[in-house]
Amino acid sequence: MTLTSSIFAYWSTRTRRSRASSVASGRPPWWVPTLILACFGGLLQLSLSKLNPDWLSYQRIYESGGAWLSEQGRDPAFLTLNAFLASVLGANSYETYRVLLALYFMVFMALLSAGRIFKINPAGGGYVSLLLSLVYLGFTRFTIQIREGIAISIVIFVLALFAKHSCSQKLGMPWAVRKGNVRRALQTSWAWILLILAGMTHASMLFVLLIALAACWATARGKVRSRRLGPIHVRPWRMRLLWVLAFFLAGAAVMQLYLGASLMSVAAESVGDRFVNVKALTAVQLGFWCLYGGACWLVYREVRVGVAQRQVTGMFATFLRVLSGPAVMATYASIVLALLLAVTPLFIVSYVRLLHMFLALALLCLAVIGRRGLSMQVIGVFLIADQVRSIVDSI
């Protein structure tokens, strides 16, 4: 009995020390990255086959020097990476190329889940939401849509830089230079350069660059007070203007798609009638997108609470508010409007992918700052299940 008590006391002490060390360093316990790597190891292994919906498409891009991406002048950074690896590995080494990218994603996920990129706030209870947000982030992007996966990994490095200096409220380069902090100015410059590089890797990341620029413009250099939020770091009138502009531009874009018959003909010539034919909106679809609307609203609410409780401040707080507010909500409204107007699914799919990317970034950031409640876990499960459904339909 004495031996058992001694072992239990020793194990309890080790557990408390491990937990204290984890809290102090901002890194999750060892089992979090271990579980994540086991999960992604299996996913990446399954993705290295022709069952992968985009396997042949990326093979064509790799072996032909760019295929349609090169013809359209799209994603030059990704094409440069492809050309470099093809020159080193050989044009007929597509399988080796995919294995190298899978290893990159594994290392990136190991660093991210271990708290080596973001310092993870220990608040918020368990790490289930963190696990779900990481799975949702990389489930398709690191296995199928690898171009977007490479780009979003660059964006996450940029967000880590934003988070690192958010408490100083001096993220903008001109402010840092005026304060004489050359080091911070250089780090900030690198953040913007990396964002541009991400946009050149996958065009959708240009929207993240636009959100970051809007957040920089809306961030106040001093404290601004709000009755509901207390001290915040945003100019309220500029945030309201961003809401108006986001919905106006989103509505105008959908109406242009609805009224622009020429776009439909171009789509039919490029991808075929199968992707252009419009199906009637059903009650099931409408209910499904109502659930999506609830998920988007809950994510925005969690961001607002996190800002109010000062779990995130400065430029990073404003970025999260613009991302989860105007960006997510306007994109969601665009999807619903396009469905109601019977716009071709070809364009709706692009909006859906953009919404998935915004939600993935928002959920990850919420998990990092300590907003890991039950509602975020339910949303994570819902979004992952929808991705699984999409992959099965593609196969």
Protein backbone atom coordinates (compact mmCIF):
# COMPACT_ATOMS: atom_id res chain seq x y z
CA MET A 1 0.00 0.00 0.00
CA THR A 2 2.87 2.33 0.85
CA LEU A 3 4.57 1.59 -2.47
CA THR A 4 1.32 2.27 -4.34
CA SER A 5 0.86 5.59 -2.53
CA SER A 6 4.44 6.58 -3.32
CA ILE A 7 4.00 5.80 -7.03
CA PHE A 8 0.72 7.73 -7.12
CA ALA A 9 2.31 10.72 -5.36
CA TYR A 10 5.29 10.66 -7.75
CA TRP A 11 3.02 10.47 -10.80
CA SER A 12 0.81 13.30 -9.49
CA THR A 13 3.88 15.49 -8.92
CA ARG A 14 5.21 14.78 -12.41
CA THR A 15 1.80 15.55 -13.92
CA ARG A 16 1.51 18.87 -12.05
CA ARG A 17 5.03 19.85 -13.09
CA SER A 18 4.33 18.93 -16.70
CA ARG A 19 1.09 20.92 -16.65
CA ALA A 20 2.81 23.92 -15.05
CA SER A 21 5.61 23.76 -17.61
CA SER A 22 3.06 23.59 -20.43
CA VAL A 23 1.18 26.63 -19.11
CA ALA A 24 4.38 28.66 -18.67
CA SER A 25 5.76 27.88 -22.13
CA GLY A 26 2.49 28.21 -24.02
CA ARG A 27 2.89 24.70 -25.42
CA PRO A 28 0.29 21.90 -25.23
CA PRO A 29 1.06 18.61 -23.44
CA TRP A 30 2.95 15.97 -25.40
CA TRP A 31 -0.12 13.94 -26.36
CA VAL A 32 -1.63 16.80 -28.42
CA PRO A 33 1.06 16.91 -31.15
CA THR A 34 1.41 13.12 -30.95
CA LEU A 35 -2.27 12.59 -31.68
CA ILE A 36 -2.26 15.22 -34.42
CA LEU A 37 0.77 13.67 -36.14
CA ALA A 38 -0.77 10.20 -35.97
CA CYS A 39 -3.96 11.54 -37.54
CA PHE A 40 -2.21 13.45 -40.31
CA GLY A 41 0.26 10.68 -40.93
CA GLY A 42 -2.65 8.43 -41.88
CA LEU A 43 -4.37 11.12 -43.94
CA LEU A 44 -1.21 11.98 -45.86
CA GLN A 45 -0.51 8.30 -46.52
CA LEU A 46 -4.02 7.88 -47.96
CA SER A 47 -3.63 11.03 -50.07
CA LEU A 48 -0.57 9.66 -51.90
CA SER A 49 -2.64 7.70 -54.39
CA LYS A 50 -4.85 8.15 -57.45
CA LEU A 51 -7.91 8.04 -55.18
CA ASN A 52 -6.95 11.62 -54.33
CA PRO A 53 -9.39 13.76 -56.40
CA ASP A 54 -6.67 16.25 -57.42
CA TRP A 55 -3.82 13.74 -57.85
CA LEU A 56 -3.88 13.72 -61.65
CA SER A 57 -4.44 17.48 -61.87
CA TYR A 58 -1.30 18.25 -59.88
CA GLN A 59 0.60 15.60 -61.79
CA ARG A 60 -0.26 17.40 -65.01
CA ILE A 61 0.82 20.73 -63.51
CA TYR A 62 4.12 19.24 -62.30
CA GLU A 63 5.06 17.32 -65.43
CA SER A 64 4.00 19.96 -67.99
CA GLY A 65 5.59 22.95 -66.27
CA GLY A 66 2.40 24.60 -65.09
CA ALA A 67 -0.40 23.47 -67.45
CA TRP A 68 -3.39 25.86 -67.25
CA LEU A 69 -1.88 27.78 -64.32
CA SER A 70 1.02 28.83 -66.50
CA GLU A 71 -1.26 29.67 -69.44
CA GLN A 72 -3.43 31.89 -67.22
CA GLY A 73 -0.50 33.46 -65.35
CA ARG A 74 -1.79 32.26 -61.98
CA ASP A 75 0.07 31.43 -58.77
CA PRO A 76 3.63 32.22 -59.97
CA ALA A 77 5.25 31.37 -56.61
CA PHE A 78 3.80 27.85 -56.68
CA LEU A 79 4.91 27.37 -60.29
CA THR A 80 8.42 28.53 -59.35
CA LEU A 81 8.52 25.95 -56.55
CA ASN A 82 7.32 23.27 -58.98
CA ALA A 83 9.94 24.20 -61.56
CA PHE A 84 12.71 24.14 -58.95
CA LEU A 85 11.72 20.72 -57.58
CA ALA A 86 11.28 19.34 -61.11
CA SER A 87 14.80 20.49 -62.00
CA VAL A 88 16.22 18.81 -58.87
CA LEU A 89 14.11 15.63 -58.80
CA GLY A 90 13.36 15.25 -62.50
CA ALA A 91 10.16 15.80 -64.46
CA ASN A 92 9.06 12.17 -63.98
CA SER A 93 9.39 12.15 -60.18
CA TYR A 94 5.88 13.29 -59.28
CA GLU A 95 5.47 10.68 -56.53
CA THR A 96 8.71 11.81 -54.84
CA TYR A 97 7.54 15.41 -55.15
CA ARG A 98 4.29 14.61 -53.34
CA VAL A 99 6.15 12.71 -50.62
CA LEU A 100 8.38 15.75 -50.00
CA LEU A 101 5.35 18.01 -49.72
CA ALA A 102 3.71 15.53 -47.33
CA LEU A 103 6.84 15.63 -45.14
CA TYR A 104 6.73 19.44 -45.18
CA PHE A 105 3.12 19.40 -44.01
CA MET A 106 3.98 16.88 -41.28
CA VAL A 107 6.82 19.07 -39.95
CA PHE A 108 4.64 22.17 -40.14
CA MET A 109 1.80 20.46 -38.27
CA ALA A 110 4.24 19.16 -35.64
CA LEU A 111 5.54 22.68 -34.99
CA LEU A 112 2.07 24.20 -34.96
CA SER A 113 0.48 21.62 -32.65
CA ALA A 114 3.47 21.71 -30.27
CA GLY A 115 3.15 25.47 -29.75
CA ARG A 116 6.37 26.28 -31.61
CA ILE A 117 4.70 28.69 -34.07
CA PHE A 118 1.95 30.18 -31.87
CA LYS A 119 2.25 30.51 -28.10
CA ILE A 120 -0.97 28.73 -27.12
CA ASN A 121 -3.02 30.21 -24.29
CA PRO A 122 -3.69 27.48 -21.68
CA ALA A 123 -7.11 28.99 -20.84
CA GLY A 124 -10.28 27.39 -22.10
CA GLY A 125 -10.04 23.91 -20.63
CA GLY A 126 -9.02 20.95 -22.76
CA TYR A 127 -7.40 20.83 -26.17
CA VAL A 128 -10.22 19.15 -28.10
CA SER A 129 -11.04 22.37 -29.97
CA LEU A 130 -7.37 22.80 -30.86
CA LEU A 131 -7.23 19.27 -32.25
CA LEU A 132 -10.43 19.80 -34.26
CA SER A 133 -9.28 23.16 -35.62
CA LEU A 134 -5.98 21.67 -36.79
CA VAL A 135 -7.74 18.72 -38.44
CA TYR A 136 -10.17 21.08 -40.14
CA LEU A 137 -7.31 23.32 -41.27
CA GLY A 138 -5.27 20.58 -42.92
CA PHE A 139 -7.80 17.87 -43.73
CA THR A 140 -8.12 18.81 -47.41
CA ARG A 141 -5.49 21.53 -47.78
CA PHE A 142 -2.53 19.33 -46.84
CA THR A 143 -3.79 16.26 -48.69
CA ILE A 144 -5.81 17.34 -51.75
CA GLN A 145 -5.59 21.11 -52.30
CA ILE A 146 -1.84 21.27 -51.69
CA ARG A 147 -1.42 24.63 -53.43
CA GLU A 148 -3.79 26.21 -50.93
CA GLY A 149 -2.13 24.21 -48.14
CA ILE A 150 1.31 25.65 -48.86
CA ALA A 151 -0.15 29.16 -49.05
CA ILE A 152 -2.13 28.87 -45.81
CA SER A 153 0.93 27.57 -43.97
CA ILE A 154 2.71 30.81 -44.94
CA VAL A 155 -0.30 32.81 -43.72
CA ILE A 156 -0.15 31.07 -40.34
CA PHE A 157 3.47 32.13 -39.92
CA VAL A 158 2.32 35.69 -40.63
CA LEU A 159 -0.51 35.45 -38.09
CA ALA A 160 2.01 34.23 -35.52
CA LEU A 161 4.02 37.42 -36.13
CA PHE A 162 0.84 39.47 -35.74
CA ALA A 163 0.02 37.69 -32.47
CA LYS A 164 3.57 38.08 -31.15
CA HIS A 165 3.43 41.86 -31.34
CA SER A 166 -0.29 42.41 -30.81
CA CYS A 167 0.10 43.57 -27.22
CA SER A 168 2.34 46.47 -28.30
CA GLN A 169 -0.26 47.99 -30.66
CA LYS A 170 2.61 49.09 -32.91
CA LEU A 171 2.42 46.52 -35.66
CA GLY A 172 2.23 48.94 -38.57
CA MET A 173 5.71 49.63 -39.95
CA PRO A 174 5.47 53.47 -39.94
CA TRP A 175 4.50 53.44 -36.24
CA ALA A 176 7.41 51.16 -35.37
CA VAL A 177 9.88 53.35 -37.26
CA ARG A 178 8.62 56.48 -35.48
CA LYS A 179 9.25 54.75 -32.16
CA GLY A 180 12.74 53.83 -33.29
CA ASN A 181 12.16 50.10 -33.08
CA VAL A 182 13.97 48.95 -36.21
CA ARG A 183 13.77 45.27 -35.28
CA ARG A 184 9.97 45.35 -35.01
CA ALA A 185 9.78 47.27 -38.30
CA LEU A 186 11.85 44.58 -40.05
CA GLN A 187 9.72 41.79 -38.61
CA THR A 188 6.57 43.62 -39.70
CA SER A 189 7.98 44.09 -43.19
CA TRP A 190 8.64 40.36 -43.39
CA ALA A 191 5.04 39.69 -42.38
CA TRP A 192 3.69 41.73 -45.28
CA ILE A 193 6.20 40.20 -47.70
CA LEU A 194 5.15 36.72 -46.64
CA LEU A 195 1.49 37.64 -47.12
CA ILE A 196 2.23 38.74 -50.68
CA LEU A 197 4.17 35.50 -51.24
CA ALA A 198 1.15 33.52 -49.99
CA GLY A 199 -1.06 35.38 -52.45
CA MET A 200 1.33 34.47 -55.27
CA THR A 201 1.15 30.82 -54.16
CA HIS A 202 -2.65 30.66 -54.16
CA ALA A 203 -4.84 33.54 -55.29
CA SER A 204 -7.36 33.10 -52.45
CA MET A 205 -4.72 34.31 -49.96
CA LEU A 206 -4.96 37.75 -51.56
CA PHE A 207 -8.23 38.04 -49.63
CA VAL A 208 -6.28 37.42 -46.41
CA LEU A 209 -3.86 40.17 -47.46
CA LEU A 210 -6.84 42.46 -48.03
CA ILE A 211 -8.23 41.58 -44.58
CA ALA A 212 -4.84 42.32 -42.99
CA LEU A 213 -4.65 45.70 -44.75
CA ALA A 214 -8.20 46.52 -43.60
CA ALA A 215 -7.31 45.49 -40.04
CA CYS A 216 -4.18 47.64 -40.10
CA TRP A 217 -6.29 50.60 -41.27
CA ALA A 218 -8.95 50.00 -38.60
CA THR A 219 -6.55 49.44 -35.69
CA ALA A 220 -6.31 52.37 -33.30
CA ARG A 221 -2.91 53.45 -32.03
CA GLY A 222 -4.37 54.35 -28.63
CA LYS A 223 -7.06 52.75 -26.52
CA VAL A 224 -10.65 53.22 -27.62
CA ARG A 225 -13.46 52.58 -25.16
CA SER A 226 -16.75 50.85 -25.85
CA ARG A 227 -19.61 50.40 -23.40
CA ARG A 228 -20.04 46.78 -24.38
CA LEU A 229 -16.41 45.79 -25.00
CA GLY A 230 -14.47 48.00 -22.62
CA PRO A 231 -10.96 48.98 -23.86
CA ILE A 232 -10.50 47.88 -27.46
CA HIS A 233 -7.99 48.63 -30.16
CA VAL A 234 -10.14 49.48 -33.15
CA ARG A 235 -11.66 52.62 -34.61
CA PRO A 236 -15.40 51.87 -34.42
CA TRP A 237 -16.44 54.01 -37.40
CA ARG A 238 -13.83 52.33 -39.60
CA MET A 239 -15.04 48.88 -38.53
CA ARG A 240 -18.63 49.86 -39.37
CA LEU A 241 -17.48 51.10 -42.77
CA LEU A 242 -15.73 47.75 -43.40
CA TRP A 243 -19.02 45.94 -42.71
CA VAL A 244 -20.86 48.14 -45.22
CA LEU A 245 -18.15 47.80 -47.88
CA ALA A 246 -17.90 44.01 -47.45
CA PHE A 247 -21.62 43.43 -47.96
CA PHE A 248 -21.86 45.95 -50.79
CA LEU A 249 -18.96 44.42 -52.73
CA ALA A 250 -20.18 40.87 -52.06
CA GLY A 251 -23.68 41.69 -53.27
CA ALA A 252 -22.37 43.51 -56.33
CA ALA A 253 -20.16 40.53 -57.24
CA VAL A 254 -23.03 38.05 -57.01
CA MET A 255 -25.33 40.28 -59.06
CA GLN A 256 -22.63 40.59 -61.71
CA LEU A 257 -22.40 36.79 -61.84
CA TYR A 258 -26.19 36.56 -62.05
CA LEU A 259 -26.52 39.15 -64.82
CA GLY A 260 -23.31 38.33 -66.68
CA ALA A 261 -24.36 35.69 -69.19
CA SER A 262 -20.91 35.82 -70.78
CA LEU A 263 -19.41 34.31 -67.64
CA MET A 264 -21.69 31.31 -67.96
CA SER A 265 -20.55 30.69 -71.52
CA VAL A 266 -16.89 30.99 -70.54
CA ALA A 267 -17.45 28.52 -67.69
CA ALA A 268 -19.19 26.05 -70.01
CA GLU A 269 -16.30 26.21 -72.49
CA SER A 270 -13.64 25.75 -69.81
CA VAL A 271 -15.13 23.10 -67.50
CA GLY A 272 -18.17 21.75 -69.32
CA ASP A 273 -21.92 21.85 -68.82
CA ARG A 274 -21.76 19.44 -65.86
CA PHE A 275 -20.48 22.23 -63.61
CA VAL A 276 -22.69 24.95 -65.09
CA ASN A 277 -26.13 23.33 -64.88
CA VAL A 278 -28.16 24.83 -62.07
CA LYS A 279 -30.30 22.66 -59.77
CA ALA A 280 -33.32 23.94 -57.89
CA LEU A 281 -32.76 24.97 -54.27
CA THR A 282 -34.26 22.37 -51.93
CA ALA A 283 -35.52 22.70 -48.36
CA VAL A 284 -32.69 20.43 -47.20
CA GLN A 285 -30.08 22.74 -48.76
CA LEU A 286 -31.74 25.77 -47.22
CA GLY A 287 -31.72 24.13 -43.77
CA PHE A 288 -28.09 23.08 -44.25
CA TRP A 289 -27.01 26.65 -45.00
CA CYS A 290 -29.00 27.92 -42.05
CA LEU A 291 -26.76 25.68 -39.91
CA TYR A 292 -23.73 27.24 -41.60
CA GLY A 293 -25.10 30.68 -40.76
CA GLY A 294 -25.40 29.70 -37.11
CA ALA A 295 -21.81 28.41 -37.14
CA CYS A 296 -20.53 31.67 -38.64
CA TRP A 297 -22.39 33.73 -36.04
CA LEU A 298 -21.04 31.64 -33.15
CA VAL A 299 -17.47 32.04 -34.40
CA TYR A 300 -17.92 35.82 -34.62
CA ARG A 301 -19.44 35.89 -31.12
CA GLU A 302 -16.47 33.97 -29.68
CA VAL A 303 -14.07 36.46 -31.26
CA ARG A 304 -16.02 39.37 -29.76
CA VAL A 305 -15.91 37.76 -26.31
CA GLY A 306 -12.18 37.03 -26.66
CA VAL A 307 -11.53 40.68 -27.51
CA ALA A 308 -13.76 41.88 -24.65
CA GLN A 309 -11.83 39.68 -22.19
CA ARG A 310 -8.51 40.90 -23.64
CA GLN A 311 -7.38 37.42 -24.61
CA VAL A 312 -6.22 39.08 -27.82
CA THR A 313 -5.33 42.73 -28.39
CA GLY A 314 -3.92 45.15 -30.91
CA MET A 315 -3.63 44.43 -34.62
CA PHE A 316 -4.22 40.70 -34.14
CA ALA A 317 -7.53 41.42 -32.37
CA THR A 318 -8.64 43.69 -35.21
CA PHE A 319 -7.60 41.10 -37.79
CA LEU A 320 -9.74 38.47 -36.06
CA ARG A 321 -12.70 40.84 -35.90
CA VAL A 322 -12.47 41.68 -39.60
CA LEU A 323 -11.91 38.01 -40.51
CA SER A 324 -14.80 36.59 -38.46
CA GLY A 325 -17.08 39.58 -39.03
CA PRO A 326 -17.18 41.32 -42.43
CA ALA A 327 -15.16 38.65 -44.28
CA VAL A 328 -16.99 35.52 -43.06
CA MET A 329 -20.46 37.06 -42.95
CA ALA A 330 -20.23 38.69 -46.38
CA THR A 331 -18.93 35.47 -47.92
CA TYR A 332 -21.75 33.48 -46.30
CA ALA A 333 -24.32 36.02 -47.52
CA SER A 334 -22.86 35.73 -51.03
CA ILE A 335 -23.40 31.96 -51.01
CA VAL A 336 -27.00 32.27 -49.86
CA LEU A 337 -27.75 35.01 -52.39
CA ALA A 338 -26.14 32.99 -55.20
CA LEU A 339 -28.25 29.96 -54.27
CA LEU A 340 -31.44 32.02 -54.23
CA LEU A 341 -30.60 33.56 -57.61
CA ALA A 342 -29.67 30.14 -59.07
CA VAL A 343 -26.13 31.16 -59.98
CA THR A 344 -24.08 28.35 -61.50
CA PRO A 345 -22.54 25.98 -58.88
CA LEU A 346 -19.12 26.58 -60.45
CA PHE A 347 -18.92 30.00 -58.79
CA ILE A 348 -20.69 28.93 -55.60
CA VAL A 349 -17.98 26.30 -55.04
CA SER A 350 -15.36 29.07 -55.09
CA TYR A 351 -17.30 31.02 -52.46
CA VAL A 352 -17.64 27.89 -50.33
CA ARG A 353 -13.90 27.22 -50.46
CA LEU A 354 -13.25 30.82 -49.44
CA LEU A 355 -15.67 30.50 -46.51
CA HIS A 356 -13.96 27.26 -45.42
CA MET A 357 -10.58 28.99 -45.46
CA PHE A 358 -11.81 31.95 -43.39
CA LEU A 359 -13.48 29.67 -40.84
CA ALA A 360 -10.39 27.45 -40.60
CA LEU A 361 -8.18 30.44 -39.78
CA ALA A 362 -10.73 31.82 -37.31
CA LEU A 363 -11.16 28.49 -35.47
CA LEU A 364 -7.40 28.00 -35.23
CA CYS A 365 -6.88 31.50 -33.83
CA LEU A 366 -9.71 31.03 -31.33
CA ALA A 367 -8.16 27.76 -30.14
CA VAL A 368 -4.75 29.44 -29.81
CA ILE A 369 -6.03 32.37 -27.70
CA GLY A 370 -7.94 30.05 -25.36
CA ARG A 371 -11.50 30.18 -26.75
CA ARG A 372 -12.08 26.42 -26.71
CA GLY A 373 -15.67 26.03 -25.59
CA LEU A 374 -18.17 23.32 -26.45
CA SER A 375 -19.75 25.41 -29.21
CA MET A 376 -16.43 25.62 -31.05
CA GLN A 377 -16.00 21.85 -30.73
CA VAL A 378 -19.45 21.22 -32.21
CA ILE A 379 -18.69 23.62 -35.08
CA GLY A 380 -15.37 21.86 -35.70
CA VAL A 381 -17.06 18.46 -35.92
CA PHE A 382 -19.76 19.88 -38.23
CA LEU A 383 -17.24 21.46 -40.62
CA ILE A 384 -15.01 18.37 -40.72
CA ALA A 385 -18.03 16.18 -41.46
CA ASP A 386 -18.98 18.49 -44.33
CA GLN A 387 -15.45 18.21 -45.74
CA VAL A 388 -15.62 14.43 -45.55
CA ARG A 389 -18.91 14.56 -47.46
CA SER A 390 -17.33 16.78 -50.13
CA ILE A 391 -14.36 14.43 -50.56
CA VAL A 392 -16.59 11.38 -50.87
CA ASP A 393 -18.67 13.16 -53.53
CA SER A 394 -15.49 14.11 -55.41
CA ILE A 395 -14.19 10.55 -55.40
